C-alpha atoms as a PDB file:
ATOM      1  CA  UNK A   1      26.803  19.942  29.920  1.00  0.00           C
ATOM      2  CA  UNK A   2      24.446  19.905  26.973  1.00  0.00           C
ATOM      3  CA  UNK A   3      22.341  16.467  27.928  1.00  0.00           C
ATOM      4  CA  UNK A   4      22.072  17.844  31.556  1.00  0.00           C
ATOM      5  CA  UNK A   5      20.378  21.139  30.463  1.00  0.00           C
ATOM      6  CA  UNK A   6      18.206  18.961  28.189  1.00  0.00           C
ATOM      7  CA  UNK A   7      17.284  16.688  30.934  1.00  0.00           C
ATOM      8  CA  UNK A   8      16.653  19.838  33.277  1.00  0.00           C
ATOM      9  CA  UNK A   9      14.161  21.298  30.515  1.00  0.00           C
ATOM     10  CA  UNK A  10      12.463  17.730  29.922  1.00  0.00           C
ATOM     11  CA  UNK A  11      11.659  17.546  33.661  1.00  0.00           C
ATOM     12  CA  UNK A  12      10.048  21.302  33.419  1.00  0.00           C
ATOM     13  CA  UNK A  13       8.002  19.774  30.206  1.00  0.00           C
ATOM     14  CA  UNK A  14       6.913  16.878  32.009  1.00  0.00           C
ATOM     15  CA  UNK A  15       5.578  19.068  35.213  1.00  0.00           C
ATOM     16  CA  UNK A  16       4.207  21.613  32.631  1.00  0.00           C
ATOM     17  CA  UNK A  17       2.137  18.971  30.940  1.00  0.00           C
ATOM     18  CA  UNK A  18       0.759  17.563  34.075  1.00  0.00           C
ATOM     19  CA  UNK A  19      -0.387  20.885  35.317  1.00  0.00           C
ATOM     20  CA  UNK A  20      -1.853  21.847  31.899  1.00  0.00           C
ATOM     21  CA  UNK A  21      -3.167  18.702  30.364  1.00  0.00           C
ATOM     22  CA  UNK A  22      -5.169  16.301  32.655  1.00  0.00           C
ATOM     23  CA  UNK A  23      -6.419  14.014  29.904  1.00  0.00           C
ATOM     24  CA  UNK A  24      -2.912  12.992  28.631  1.00  0.00           C
ATOM     25  CA  UNK A  25      -0.098  11.005  29.748  1.00  0.00           C
ATOM     26  CA  UNK A  26       3.137  11.645  28.514  1.00  0.00           C
ATOM     27  CA  UNK A  27       6.635   9.498  28.364  1.00  0.00           C
ATOM     28  CA  UNK A  28       9.788  10.336  29.610  1.00  0.00           C
ATOM     29  CA  UNK A  29      11.148  10.129  25.841  1.00  0.00           C
ATOM     30  CA  UNK A  30       8.121  12.413  24.700  1.00  0.00           C
ATOM     31  CA  UNK A  31       9.641  15.380  27.386  1.00  0.00           C
ATOM     32  CA  UNK A  32      12.729  14.671  26.265  1.00  0.00           C
ATOM     33  CA  UNK A  33      12.033  15.227  22.339  1.00  0.00           C
ATOM     34  CA  UNK A  34       9.914  18.240  23.141  1.00  0.00           C
ATOM     35  CA  UNK A  35      12.790  19.373  25.251  1.00  0.00           C
ATOM     36  CA  UNK A  36      14.876  19.544  22.070  1.00  0.00           C
ATOM     37  CA  UNK A  37      12.672  21.238  19.755  1.00  0.00           C
ATOM     38  CA  UNK A  38      13.158  24.704  18.799  1.00  0.00           C
ATOM     39  CA  UNK A  39      10.863  27.452  19.920  1.00  0.00           C
ATOM     40  CA  UNK A  40       8.580  27.584  16.711  1.00  0.00           C
ATOM     41  CA  UNK A  41       8.556  23.527  16.520  1.00  0.00           C
ATOM     42  CA  UNK A  42       7.547  23.587  20.564  1.00  0.00           C
ATOM     43  CA  UNK A  43       4.867  25.898  20.061  1.00  0.00           C
ATOM     44  CA  UNK A  44       3.348  23.810  17.110  1.00  0.00           C
ATOM     45  CA  UNK A  45       3.846  20.633  19.018  1.00  0.00           C
ATOM     46  CA  UNK A  46       2.056  22.239  22.158  1.00  0.00           C
ATOM     47  CA  UNK A  47      -1.119  23.017  19.877  1.00  0.00           C
ATOM     48  CA  UNK A  48      -1.464  19.329  18.702  1.00  0.00           C
ATOM     49  CA  UNK A  49      -0.824  18.340  22.279  1.00  0.00           C
ATOM     50  CA  UNK A  50      -3.631  20.931  23.345  1.00  0.00           C
ATOM     51  CA  UNK A  51      -5.985  19.508  20.721  1.00  0.00           C
ATOM     52  CA  UNK A  52      -5.234  15.837  21.830  1.00  0.00           C
ATOM     53  CA  UNK A  53      -6.200  16.861  25.534  1.00  0.00           C
ATOM     54  CA  UNK A  54      -9.647  18.670  24.524  1.00  0.00           C
ATOM     55  CA  UNK A  55     -10.515  15.972  21.669  1.00  0.00           C
ATOM     56  CA  UNK A  56      -8.010  13.385  20.030  1.00  0.00           C
ATOM     57  CA  UNK A  57     -10.590  12.645  17.224  1.00  0.00           C
ATOM     58  CA  UNK A  58     -10.071  16.221  15.642  1.00  0.00           C
ATOM     59  CA  UNK A  59      -6.312  15.443  15.179  1.00  0.00           C
ATOM     60  CA  UNK A  60      -5.385  14.512  11.795  1.00  0.00           C
ATOM     61  CA  UNK A  61      -3.451  11.277  11.729  1.00  0.00           C
ATOM     62  CA  UNK A  62      -0.572  11.101   9.056  1.00  0.00           C
ATOM     63  CA  UNK A  63      -0.605   7.228   9.708  1.00  0.00           C
ATOM     64  CA  UNK A  64      -0.448   4.265  11.697  1.00  0.00           C
ATOM     65  CA  UNK A  65       2.480   2.763  13.391  1.00  0.00           C
ATOM     66  CA  UNK A  66       2.424  -0.986  14.519  1.00  0.00           C
ATOM     67  CA  UNK A  67       4.910  -1.535  17.338  1.00  0.00           C
ATOM     68  CA  UNK A  68       6.456  -5.054  16.722  1.00  0.00           C
ATOM     69  CA  UNK A  69       5.960  -6.113  20.804  1.00  0.00           C
ATOM     70  CA  UNK A  70       2.797  -4.934  21.381  1.00  0.00           C
ATOM     71  CA  UNK A  71      -0.457  -5.163  19.841  1.00  0.00           C
ATOM     72  CA  UNK A  72      -0.886  -1.195  20.623  1.00  0.00           C
ATOM     73  CA  UNK A  73      -1.458   1.168  17.530  1.00  0.00           C
ATOM     74  CA  UNK A  74       0.667   4.229  17.718  1.00  0.00           C
ATOM     75  CA  UNK A  75      -0.763   7.238  15.464  1.00  0.00           C
ATOM     76  CA  UNK A  76       1.582   9.645  13.854  1.00  0.00           C
ATOM     77  CA  UNK A  77       0.920  13.153  13.587  1.00  0.00           C
ATOM     78  CA  UNK A  78       3.030  15.780  11.501  1.00  0.00           C
ATOM     79  CA  UNK A  79       3.397  19.089  12.655  1.00  0.00           C
ATOM     80  CA  UNK A  80       5.269  22.515  11.487  1.00  0.00           C
ATOM     81  CA  UNK A  81       6.310  20.179   8.337  1.00  0.00           C
ATOM     82  CA  UNK A  82       9.185  18.542  10.101  1.00  0.00           C
ATOM     83  CA  UNK A  83       7.898  17.626  13.757  1.00  0.00           C
ATOM     84  CA  UNK A  84       6.562  14.432  14.508  1.00  0.00           C
ATOM     85  CA  UNK A  85       4.246  13.291  17.410  1.00  0.00           C
ATOM     86  CA  UNK A  86       3.449   9.746  18.223  1.00  0.00           C
ATOM     87  CA  UNK A  87       0.283   8.839  20.498  1.00  0.00           C
ATOM     88  CA  UNK A  88      -1.725   6.018  21.655  1.00  0.00           C
ATOM     89  CA  UNK A  89      -4.824   5.354  23.196  1.00  0.00           C
ATOM     90  CA  UNK A  90      -4.820   3.864  26.381  1.00  0.00           C
ATOM     91  CA  UNK A  91      -7.485   1.129  27.913  1.00  0.00           C
ATOM     92  CA  UNK A  92      -9.629   4.121  29.384  1.00  0.00           C
ATOM     93  CA  UNK A  93      -9.283   5.896  26.079  1.00  0.00           C
ATOM     94  CA  UNK A  94      -6.946   8.419  27.676  1.00  0.00           C
ATOM     95  CA  UNK A  95      -4.236   9.654  25.088  1.00  0.00           C
ATOM     96  CA  UNK A  96      -0.468   8.681  25.925  1.00  0.00           C
ATOM     97  CA  UNK A  97       1.962  10.495  24.111  1.00  0.00           C
ATOM     98  CA  UNK A  98       4.819   8.090  23.019  1.00  0.00           C
ATOM     99  CA  UNK A  99       7.374  10.570  21.713  1.00  0.00           C
ATOM    100  CA  UNK A 100       8.247  13.782  19.955  1.00  0.00           C
ATOM    101  CA  UNK A 101      10.895  14.515  17.353  1.00  0.00           C
ATOM    102  CA  UNK A 102      11.575  15.765  13.810  1.00  0.00           C
ATOM    103  CA  UNK A 103      12.067  14.102  10.342  1.00  0.00           C
ATOM    104  CA  UNK A 104      15.667  14.046  11.581  1.00  0.00           C
ATOM    105  CA  UNK A 105      14.695  11.840  14.449  1.00  0.00           C
ATOM    106  CA  UNK A 106      12.023   9.595  12.818  1.00  0.00           C
ATOM    107  CA  UNK A 107      14.155   6.404  12.371  1.00  0.00           C
ATOM    108  CA  UNK A 108      15.350   6.714  16.348  1.00  0.00           C
ATOM    109  CA  UNK A 109      11.640   7.392  17.029  1.00  0.00           C
ATOM    110  CA  UNK A 110      10.338   4.230  15.326  1.00  0.00           C
ATOM    111  CA  UNK A 111      12.934   2.268  16.337  1.00  0.00           C
ATOM    112  CA  UNK A 112      12.221   3.317  20.141  1.00  0.00           C
ATOM    113  CA  UNK A 113       8.243   2.453  19.322  1.00  0.00           C
ATOM    114  CA  UNK A 114       9.374  -1.088  18.221  1.00  0.00           C
ATOM    115  CA  UNK A 115      10.773  -1.881  21.896  1.00  0.00           C
ATOM    116  CA  UNK A 116       7.566  -0.782  23.655  1.00  0.00           C
END
């Protein structure tokens, strides 16, 4: 039942992001991760998403993460001390948010990035 609730929330998050942020793309994993954040962390994450939508060059990147399977560079951004947002740039210089999580989900998130 809890998983269905998270799926429902992630669908709402996906529709919200598509409506509000025209310059970014999101993955299903990103929306699921966002849906699992508490309200304070979600607000801070959305602040980063808003900045990425407006001008991704002003967002402070903590580090670059390289996927083992692809040549895409993934950037890690920290928010609210424990939050992690991973994004990349597409060929047409749009921003794609790959996943959102916390310090607790970081290992799973990095393992997911390796599968891309």
